[in-house]
């Protein structure tokens, strides 16, 4: 009887141990399954590329070009702001209805140099307008409106350059009067 009691106790203990071990194994396998599921969910899904969506892929060259365009736009915007700021300060110094001058000469010699520069600029612009007019005469009818518009723009620029030259001539005469007489 002692042996049977001992064997029954041993069987009950073994069964309890087996039950505890299986429960522990189930918990660890469930934990492993949930952690594996979490890892799979956290891992990004791999993209399968097809011919339909390959055009949407951006290359390093595309990203570089985008950065360069952004930098150019920023520089362009800042230069426009700087020019606008300079124009507002320049217009405050000049009288109304006076075209902006190339520069304000300090001496008669610098005025002569600036006038000579303007003369060369006027000659080049006049020559270019003549070439455009020759092109206009030989151009097909589809290009004539574009060329005519370009000629008008260049003529307006030529008139502005002539006004700048006249302003420099006026400044030169003022410098001569300040110096004491014509040079």
Protein backbone atom coordinates (compact mmCIF):
# COMPACT_ATOMS: atom_id res chain seq x y z
CA UNK A 1 0.00 0.00 0.00
CA UNK A 2 2.83 2.28 0.66
CA UNK A 3 4.07 1.55 -2.82
CA UNK A 4 0.73 2.26 -4.41
CA UNK A 5 0.35 5.51 -2.47
CA UNK A 6 3.82 6.50 -3.47
CA UNK A 7 3.19 5.62 -7.13
CA UNK A 8 -0.15 7.48 -7.15
CA UNK A 9 1.54 10.54 -5.70
CA UNK A 10 4.29 10.27 -8.26
CA UNK A 11 1.75 10.00 -11.10
CA UNK A 12 -0.21 13.01 -9.80
CA UNK A 13 3.00 15.03 -9.49
CA UNK A 14 4.08 14.03 -13.00
CA UNK A 15 0.67 14.96 -14.38
CA UNK A 16 0.78 18.33 -12.62
CA UNK A 17 4.29 18.93 -13.91
CA UNK A 18 3.27 17.97 -17.42
CA UNK A 19 0.24 20.23 -17.25
CA UNK A 20 2.36 23.17 -16.02
CA UNK A 21 4.96 22.57 -18.69
CA UNK A 22 2.37 22.45 -21.50
CA UNK A 23 0.69 25.62 -20.23
CA UNK A 24 4.05 27.38 -20.11
CA UNK A 25 4.87 26.17 -23.62
CA UNK A 26 1.56 27.44 -24.93
CA UNK A 27 2.12 30.85 -23.36
CA UNK A 28 5.62 31.15 -24.82
CA UNK A 29 4.44 30.02 -28.26
CA UNK A 30 1.56 32.51 -28.12
CA UNK A 31 4.02 35.24 -27.06
CA UNK A 32 6.33 34.22 -29.87
CA UNK A 33 3.45 34.32 -32.35
CA UNK A 34 2.34 37.78 -31.20
CA UNK A 35 5.90 39.15 -31.23
CA UNK A 36 6.43 37.70 -34.71
CA UNK A 37 3.17 39.29 -35.82
CA UNK A 38 4.26 42.61 -34.33
CA UNK A 39 7.62 42.39 -36.15
CA UNK A 40 5.86 41.63 -39.41
CA UNK A 41 3.48 44.53 -38.91
CA UNK A 42 6.31 46.88 -37.97
CA UNK A 43 8.50 45.83 -40.89
CA UNK A 44 7.72 47.83 -44.03
CA UNK A 45 6.09 45.90 -46.77
CA UNK A 46 8.33 45.40 -49.75
CA UNK A 47 7.19 47.21 -52.87
CA UNK A 48 6.77 45.12 -55.97
CA UNK A 49 7.51 47.33 -58.97
CA UNK A 50 5.64 46.89 -62.18
CA UNK A 51 5.90 48.63 -65.54
CA UNK A 52 2.84 50.68 -64.64
CA UNK A 53 4.41 52.50 -61.70
CA UNK A 54 8.12 52.53 -62.59
CA UNK A 55 7.78 56.08 -63.92
CA UNK A 56 6.92 57.34 -60.45
CA UNK A 57 10.27 56.23 -59.01
CA UNK A 58 12.63 59.14 -58.41
CA UNK A 59 16.32 58.71 -59.03
CA UNK A 60 19.11 60.49 -57.17
CA UNK A 61 19.56 62.68 -60.24
CA UNK A 62 15.90 63.74 -60.02
CA UNK A 63 16.26 64.63 -56.36
CA UNK A 64 19.45 66.61 -57.14
CA UNK A 65 17.69 68.56 -59.88
CA UNK A 66 14.80 69.31 -57.53
CA UNK A 67 17.22 70.67 -54.92
CA UNK A 68 18.98 72.82 -57.54
CA UNK A 69 15.66 74.21 -58.79
CA UNK A 70 14.63 75.04 -55.25
CA UNK A 71 17.93 76.82 -54.62
CA UNK A 72 17.57 78.77 -57.87
CA UNK A 73 14.03 79.82 -56.95
CA UNK A 74 15.19 81.02 -53.54
CA UNK A 75 18.08 82.99 -55.06
CA UNK A 76 15.76 84.48 -57.68
CA UNK A 77 13.24 85.55 -55.06
CA UNK A 78 15.92 87.10 -52.84
CA UNK A 79 17.48 88.95 -55.79
CA UNK A 80 14.05 90.31 -56.76
CA UNK A 81 13.56 91.56 -53.21
CA UNK A 82 17.00 93.14 -53.22
CA UNK A 83 16.37 94.83 -56.57
CA UNK A 84 12.98 96.06 -55.36
CA UNK A 85 14.61 97.50 -52.26
CA UNK A 86 17.32 99.20 -54.33
CA UNK A 87 14.79 100.63 -56.78
CA UNK A 88 12.71 102.11 -54.01
CA UNK A 89 15.76 103.86 -52.54
CA UNK A 90 16.96 105.00 -55.99
CA UNK A 91 13.59 106.43 -56.95
CA UNK A 92 13.47 108.41 -53.72
CA UNK A 93 16.72 110.17 -54.69
CA UNK A 94 15.83 110.92 -58.33
CA UNK A 95 13.26 113.46 -59.41
CA UNK A 96 9.94 112.29 -60.82
CA UNK A 97 9.59 111.55 -64.56
CA UNK A 98 13.35 111.02 -64.81
CA UNK A 99 14.64 107.74 -66.23
CA UNK A 100 17.07 105.81 -64.07
CA UNK A 101 20.63 106.57 -65.02
CA UNK A 102 23.37 104.04 -65.64
CA UNK A 103 25.33 105.56 -62.80
CA UNK A 104 26.07 108.91 -61.29
CA UNK A 105 29.48 110.00 -62.59
CA UNK A 106 31.79 111.79 -60.18
CA UNK A 107 34.05 113.40 -62.77
CA UNK A 108 33.76 114.68 -66.33
CA UNK A 109 36.05 111.88 -67.55
CA UNK A 110 33.87 109.18 -65.99
CA UNK A 111 30.84 110.83 -67.57
CA UNK A 112 32.60 110.72 -70.97
CA UNK A 113 33.34 107.02 -70.47
CA UNK A 114 29.74 106.29 -69.53
CA UNK A 115 28.42 108.25 -72.52
CA UNK A 116 30.76 106.31 -74.82
CA UNK A 117 29.47 103.07 -73.31
CA UNK A 118 25.89 104.15 -73.93
CA UNK A 119 26.76 105.12 -77.52
CA UNK A 120 28.15 101.62 -78.17
CA UNK A 121 25.08 100.10 -76.55
CA UNK A 122 22.74 102.20 -78.71
CA UNK A 123 24.64 101.22 -81.86
CA UNK A 124 24.43 97.52 -80.98
CA UNK A 125 20.72 97.74 -80.20
CA UNK A 126 20.04 99.58 -83.45
CA UNK A 127 21.93 96.92 -85.39
CA UNK A 128 19.99 94.15 -83.67
CA UNK A 129 16.66 95.83 -84.46
CA UNK A 130 17.73 96.05 -88.12
CA UNK A 131 18.49 92.32 -88.15
CA UNK A 132 15.11 91.57 -86.60
CA UNK A 133 13.37 93.68 -89.24
CA UNK A 134 15.16 91.74 -91.98
CA UNK A 135 14.05 88.48 -90.36
CA UNK A 136 10.51 89.82 -90.15
CA UNK A 137 10.46 90.51 -93.88
CA UNK A 138 11.57 86.94 -94.67
CA UNK A 139 9.65 85.18 -91.88
CA UNK A 140 6.62 82.97 -92.43
CA UNK A 141 3.29 84.43 -91.37
CA UNK A 142 3.18 82.28 -88.23
CA UNK A 143 6.39 83.92 -86.85
CA UNK A 144 5.56 87.52 -87.81
CA UNK A 145 3.52 88.44 -84.69
CA UNK A 146 6.26 87.14 -82.39
CA UNK A 147 8.99 89.02 -84.28
CA UNK A 148 6.91 92.21 -84.41
CA UNK A 149 6.40 92.03 -80.64
CA UNK A 150 10.13 91.48 -80.10
CA UNK A 151 10.98 94.46 -82.32
CA UNK A 152 8.61 96.68 -80.32
CA UNK A 153 10.22 95.58 -77.06
CA UNK A 154 13.71 96.27 -78.41
CA UNK A 155 12.65 99.70 -79.68
CA UNK A 156 11.31 100.55 -76.23
CA UNK A 157 14.60 99.42 -74.67
CA UNK A 158 16.50 101.55 -77.20
CA UNK A 159 14.46 104.63 -76.23
CA UNK A 160 15.20 104.00 -72.55
CA UNK A 161 18.91 103.69 -73.32
CA UNK A 162 18.81 106.97 -75.26
CA UNK A 163 17.12 108.64 -72.28
CA UNK A 164 19.88 107.30 -69.99
CA UNK A 165 22.51 108.68 -72.37
CA UNK A 166 20.80 112.09 -72.35
CA UNK A 167 20.75 112.01 -68.54
CA UNK A 168 24.49 111.32 -68.53
CA UNK A 169 25.06 114.24 -70.94
CA UNK A 170 23.09 116.48 -68.58
CA UNK A 171 25.11 115.28 -65.61
CA UNK A 172 28.33 115.89 -67.54
CA UNK A 173 27.29 119.49 -68.22
CA UNK A 174 26.51 119.98 -64.52
CA UNK A 175 29.93 118.59 -63.60
CA UNK A 176 31.55 120.99 -66.10
CA UNK A 177 29.74 123.95 -64.57
CA UNK A 178 30.85 122.90 -61.08
CA UNK A 179 34.44 122.54 -62.28
CA UNK A 180 34.43 126.13 -63.52
CA UNK A 181 33.87 125.84 -67.22
CA UNK A 182 33.67 123.50 -70.19
CA UNK A 183 36.53 121.00 -70.55
